[in-house]
Amino acid sequence: MTLPLEGLRVIEVGQALAGPLAGAIMADMGADVIKVEKPDGGDDARGWGPPFGPDGTTSLYFHGQNRNKRSVTLDLKSPADVEALHRLVEDADILIQNLRPGVVEELGIGPEQMLERHPRLIYCSVWAFGYQGPMRLKPGFDPLLQAYGGMMSVTG
């Protein structure tokens, strides 16, 4: 059976939940997803347990959000590794990132910077409070957004 996203390559610069979940769904649908992780431990979600996987150190949460992906370690604070990311993106169709707004621009991998060099790239940013508005530069995680939206009063 041919999956709908077969033939697409996705580079995911994601951590925690939002970016990795988007990448996992695309991988489930057949995309070739390459996850970029930071040195010194990778995605923080690797340690979010218990429960932990068979190796006893990597959380099952991480495994669930990063299924069907390949992974590479890049230090995006290093110009050489940013250049390595650009080489990966040359063969990619989509880049997903969920770093805090402003961080990607500081690293040189913001949407304008990437699209200037890779005009056919689909650039997807997943941010807690969106790209505009008074809270746009604030970081956010699921529990915080549930509280802001009133969901915690319903779900506990």
C-alpha atoms as a PDB file:
ATOM      1  CA  MET A   1       0.000   0.000   0.000  1.00  0.00           C
ATOM      2  CA  THR A   2       1.304   3.430  -0.914  1.00  0.00           C
ATOM      3  CA  LEU A   3       1.061   5.959   1.883  1.00  0.00           C
ATOM      4  CA  PRO A   4       0.014   9.544   1.088  1.00  0.00           C
ATOM      5  CA  LEU A   5       3.288  11.241   2.079  1.00  0.00           C
ATOM      6  CA  GLU A   6       5.692   8.678   0.579  1.00  0.00           C
ATOM      7  CA  GLY A   7       8.440  10.450  -1.303  1.00  0.00           C
ATOM      8  CA  LEU A   8       8.423  13.530   0.930  1.00  0.00           C
ATOM      9  CA  ARG A   9      11.343  14.322   3.191  1.00  0.00           C
ATOM     10  CA  VAL A  10      10.717  16.248   6.413  1.00  0.00           C
ATOM     11  CA  ILE A  11      13.375  17.791   8.636  1.00  0.00           C
ATOM     12  CA  GLU A  12      12.104  18.209  12.183  1.00  0.00           C
ATOM     13  CA  VAL A  13      13.830  20.606  14.560  1.00  0.00           C
ATOM     14  CA  GLY A  14      11.444  19.805  17.355  1.00  0.00           C
ATOM     15  CA  GLN A  15      11.397  18.945  21.012  1.00  0.00           C
ATOM     16  CA  ALA A  16       8.890  17.927  23.675  1.00  0.00           C
ATOM     17  CA  LEU A  17       5.462  17.389  22.046  1.00  0.00           C
ATOM     18  CA  ALA A  18       4.181  19.748  19.349  1.00  0.00           C
ATOM     19  CA  GLY A  19       7.008  19.496  16.805  1.00  0.00           C
ATOM     20  CA  PRO A  20       7.709  15.793  17.364  1.00  0.00           C
ATOM     21  CA  LEU A  21       4.014  14.874  17.183  1.00  0.00           C
ATOM     22  CA  ALA A  22       3.663  16.694  13.854  1.00  0.00           C
ATOM     23  CA  GLY A  23       6.710  14.818  12.573  1.00  0.00           C
ATOM     24  CA  ALA A  24       5.401  11.480  13.897  1.00  0.00           C
ATOM     25  CA  ILE A  25       2.069  11.907  12.118  1.00  0.00           C
ATOM     26  CA  MET A  26       3.884  12.720   8.878  1.00  0.00           C
ATOM     27  CA  ALA A  27       6.138   9.668   9.342  1.00  0.00           C
ATOM     28  CA  ASP A  28       3.059   7.502   9.978  1.00  0.00           C
ATOM     29  CA  MET A  29       1.750   8.741   6.636  1.00  0.00           C
ATOM     30  CA  GLY A  30       4.925   7.675   4.829  1.00  0.00           C
ATOM     31  CA  ALA A  31       7.197  10.736   4.939  1.00  0.00           C
ATOM     32  CA  ASP A  32      10.916  10.264   5.535  1.00  0.00           C
ATOM     33  CA  VAL A  33      11.367  12.277   8.740  1.00  0.00           C
ATOM     34  CA  ILE A  34      14.792  13.232  10.043  1.00  0.00           C
ATOM     35  CA  LYS A  35      14.740  14.568  13.602  1.00  0.00           C
ATOM     36  CA  VAL A  36      17.474  17.043  14.547  1.00  0.00           C
ATOM     37  CA  GLU A  37      18.506  16.760  18.194  1.00  0.00           C
ATOM     38  CA  LYS A  38      20.857  18.844  20.289  1.00  0.00           C
ATOM     39  CA  PRO A  39      24.107  17.357  21.608  1.00  0.00           C
ATOM     40  CA  ASP A  40      24.415  16.329  25.247  1.00  0.00           C
ATOM     41  CA  GLY A  41      21.289  14.240  25.593  1.00  0.00           C
ATOM     42  CA  GLY A  42      19.111  15.209  22.647  1.00  0.00           C
ATOM     43  CA  ASP A  43      15.426  16.014  23.054  1.00  0.00           C
ATOM     44  CA  ASP A  44      14.601  16.630  26.731  1.00  0.00           C
ATOM     45  CA  ALA A  45      11.645  14.248  26.361  1.00  0.00           C
ATOM     46  CA  ARG A  46      14.118  11.330  26.239  1.00  0.00           C
ATOM     47  CA  GLY A  47      14.237  11.547  30.045  1.00  0.00           C
ATOM     48  CA  TRP A  48      10.532  12.096  30.735  1.00  0.00           C
ATOM     49  CA  GLY A  49       9.628   8.918  32.545  1.00  0.00           C
ATOM     50  CA  PRO A  50       8.819   6.506  33.938  1.00  0.00           C
ATOM     51  CA  PRO A  51       7.932   4.453  32.076  1.00  0.00           C
ATOM     52  CA  PHE A  52      11.178   3.919  30.235  1.00  0.00           C
ATOM     53  CA  GLY A  53      11.843   1.737  27.214  1.00  0.00           C
ATOM     54  CA  PRO A  54      13.910  -1.451  27.027  1.00  0.00           C
ATOM     55  CA  ASP A  55      17.189   0.457  27.413  1.00  0.00           C
ATOM     56  CA  GLY A  56      15.995   1.725  30.809  1.00  0.00           C
ATOM     57  CA  THR A  57      16.913   5.339  30.039  1.00  0.00           C
ATOM     58  CA  THR A  58      14.753   6.580  27.146  1.00  0.00           C
ATOM     59  CA  SER A  59      11.143   7.360  27.991  1.00  0.00           C
ATOM     60  CA  LEU A  60       8.294   5.599  26.262  1.00  0.00           C
ATOM     61  CA  TYR A  61       6.816   9.073  25.780  1.00  0.00           C
ATOM     62  CA  PHE A  62       9.828   9.959  23.611  1.00  0.00           C
ATOM     63  CA  HIS A  63       9.524   6.701  21.682  1.00  0.00           C
ATOM     64  CA  GLY A  64       5.844   7.395  21.012  1.00  0.00           C
ATOM     65  CA  GLN A  65       6.438  10.916  19.698  1.00  0.00           C
ATOM     66  CA  ASN A  66       9.453   9.933  17.606  1.00  0.00           C
ATOM     67  CA  ARG A  67       8.379   6.666  16.025  1.00  0.00           C
ATOM     68  CA  ASN A  68       9.314   5.964  12.408  1.00  0.00           C
ATOM     69  CA  LYS A  69      11.987   8.686  12.328  1.00  0.00           C
ATOM     70  CA  ARG A  70      15.695   8.834  11.816  1.00  0.00           C
ATOM     71  CA  SER A  71      17.710  11.115  14.069  1.00  0.00           C
ATOM     72  CA  VAL A  72      20.817  13.254  13.724  1.00  0.00           C
ATOM     73  CA  THR A  73      22.659  15.321  16.323  1.00  0.00           C
ATOM     74  CA  LEU A  74      23.491  18.909  15.371  1.00  0.00           C
ATOM     75  CA  ASP A  75      24.601  21.804  17.547  1.00  0.00           C
ATOM     76  CA  LEU A  76      22.632  24.615  15.933  1.00  0.00           C
ATOM     77  CA  LYS A  77      24.755  27.156  17.820  1.00  0.00           C
ATOM     78  CA  SER A  78      27.684  26.003  15.673  1.00  0.00           C
ATOM     79  CA  PRO A  79      27.975  27.585  12.197  1.00  0.00           C
ATOM     80  CA  ALA A  80      29.331  24.295  10.831  1.00  0.00           C
ATOM     81  CA  ASP A  81      26.294  22.394  12.103  1.00  0.00           C
ATOM     82  CA  VAL A  82      23.886  25.061  10.807  1.00  0.00           C
ATOM     83  CA  GLU A  83      25.539  24.528   7.425  1.00  0.00           C
ATOM     84  CA  ALA A  84      25.007  20.766   7.864  1.00  0.00           C
ATOM     85  CA  LEU A  85      21.319  21.492   8.485  1.00  0.00           C
ATOM     86  CA  HIS A  86      21.210  23.492   5.247  1.00  0.00           C
ATOM     87  CA  ARG A  87      22.679  20.477   3.422  1.00  0.00           C
ATOM     88  CA  LEU A  88      19.936  18.271   4.888  1.00  0.00           C
ATOM     89  CA  VAL A  89      17.285  20.788   3.853  1.00  0.00           C
ATOM     90  CA  GLU A  90      18.551  20.833   0.245  1.00  0.00           C
ATOM     91  CA  ASP A  91      16.889  17.432  -0.254  1.00  0.00           C
ATOM     92  CA  ALA A  92      13.869  18.150   1.949  1.00  0.00           C
ATOM     93  CA  ASP A  93      10.358  19.282   1.176  1.00  0.00           C
ATOM     94  CA  ILE A  94       9.279  20.426   4.648  1.00  0.00           C
ATOM     95  CA  LEU A  95      10.952  21.782   7.778  1.00  0.00           C
ATOM     96  CA  ILE A  96       9.012  21.654  11.056  1.00  0.00           C
ATOM     97  CA  GLN A  97      10.294  23.548  14.074  1.00  0.00           C
ATOM     98  CA  ASN A  98       8.874  24.328  17.489  1.00  0.00           C
ATOM     99  CA  LEU A  99      11.684  26.314  19.060  1.00  0.00           C
ATOM    100  CA  ARG A 100      10.637  29.452  20.922  1.00  0.00           C
ATOM    101  CA  PRO A 101       9.950  32.453  18.636  1.00  0.00           C
ATOM    102  CA  GLY A 102      13.091  34.481  18.042  1.00  0.00           C
ATOM    103  CA  VAL A 103      15.411  31.541  18.692  1.00  0.00           C
ATOM    104  CA  VAL A 104      15.326  30.290  15.100  1.00  0.00           C
ATOM    105  CA  GLU A 105      16.249  33.746  13.799  1.00  0.00           C
ATOM    106  CA  GLU A 106      19.144  33.965  16.285  1.00  0.00           C
ATOM    107  CA  LEU A 107      20.377  30.582  15.068  1.00  0.00           C
ATOM    108  CA  GLY A 108      20.105  31.650  11.427  1.00  0.00           C
ATOM    109  CA  ILE A 109      17.359  29.152  10.590  1.00  0.00           C
ATOM    110  CA  GLY A 110      14.275  31.362  10.732  1.00  0.00           C
ATOM    111  CA  PRO A 111      11.690  31.230   7.955  1.00  0.00           C
ATOM    112  CA  GLU A 112      13.068  34.159   5.961  1.00  0.00           C
ATOM    113  CA  GLN A 113      16.637  32.886   6.295  1.00  0.00           C
ATOM    114  CA  MET A 114      15.744  29.341   5.228  1.00  0.00           C
ATOM    115  CA  LEU A 115      13.397  30.329   2.407  1.00  0.00           C
ATOM    116  CA  GLU A 116      15.970  32.688   0.921  1.00  0.00           C
ATOM    117  CA  ARG A 117      18.297  29.728   0.466  1.00  0.00           C
ATOM    118  CA  HIS A 118      15.648  27.032  -0.102  1.00  0.00           C
ATOM    119  CA  PRO A 119      12.728  28.705  -1.926  1.00  0.00           C
ATOM    120  CA  ARG A 120      10.735  25.495  -2.505  1.00  0.00           C
ATOM    121  CA  LEU A 121      10.829  24.544   1.195  1.00  0.00           C
ATOM    122  CA  ILE A 122       7.592  24.418   3.176  1.00  0.00           C
ATOM    123  CA  TYR A 123       8.511  25.965   6.540  1.00  0.00           C
ATOM    124  CA  CYS A 124       6.235  25.116   9.465  1.00  0.00           C
ATOM    125  CA  SER A 125       6.523  26.803  12.869  1.00  0.00           C
ATOM    126  CA  VAL A 126       4.568  25.449  15.830  1.00  0.00           C
ATOM    127  CA  TRP A 127       4.420  28.082  18.554  1.00  0.00           C
ATOM    128  CA  ALA A 128       2.352  28.242  21.708  1.00  0.00           C
ATOM    129  CA  PHE A 129       1.017  31.751  21.152  1.00  0.00           C
ATOM    130  CA  GLY A 130       1.428  32.195  17.405  1.00  0.00           C
ATOM    131  CA  TYR A 131       3.620  34.505  15.368  1.00  0.00           C
ATOM    132  CA  GLN A 132       1.892  37.779  16.260  1.00  0.00           C
ATOM    133  CA  GLY A 133       0.385  39.359  19.342  1.00  0.00           C
ATOM    134  CA  PRO A 134       1.578  40.428  22.772  1.00  0.00           C
ATOM    135  CA  MET A 135       2.505  36.903  23.938  1.00  0.00           C
ATOM    136  CA  ARG A 136       4.198  35.729  20.726  1.00  0.00           C
ATOM    137  CA  LEU A 137       7.676  35.520  22.284  1.00  0.00           C
ATOM    138  CA  LYS A 138       6.556  33.525  25.333  1.00  0.00           C
ATOM    139  CA  PRO A 139       7.452  29.848  25.584  1.00  0.00           C
ATOM    140  CA  GLY A 140       4.645  27.410  26.185  1.00  0.00           C
ATOM    141  CA  PHE A 141       3.966  23.772  26.948  1.00  0.00           C
ATOM    142  CA  ASP A 142       0.757  21.784  26.932  1.00  0.00           C
ATOM    143  CA  PRO A 143      -0.195  22.223  30.635  1.00  0.00           C
ATOM    144  CA  LEU A 144       0.310  25.991  30.405  1.00  0.00           C
ATOM    145  CA  LEU A 145      -1.871  26.242  27.301  1.00  0.00           C
ATOM    146  CA  GLN A 146      -4.548  24.057  28.884  1.00  0.00           C
ATOM    147  CA  ALA A 147      -4.612  26.457  31.820  1.00  0.00           C
ATOM    148  CA  TYR A 148      -4.844  29.529  29.570  1.00  0.00           C
ATOM    149  CA  GLY A 149      -7.633  27.941  27.556  1.00  0.00           C
ATOM    150  CA  GLY A 150      -9.617  26.790  30.586  1.00  0.00           C
ATOM    151  CA  MET A 151      -9.269  23.069  29.830  1.00  0.00           C
ATOM    152  CA  MET A 152      -7.727  22.282  33.210  1.00  0.00           C
ATOM    153  CA  SER A 153     -10.944  23.286  34.924  1.00  0.00           C
ATOM    154  CA  VAL A 154     -12.641  20.483  32.996  1.00  0.00           C
ATOM    155  CA  THR A 155      -9.926  17.820  32.911  1.00  0.00           C
ATOM    156  CA  GLY A 156      -8.079  18.437  36.178  1.00  0.00           C
END
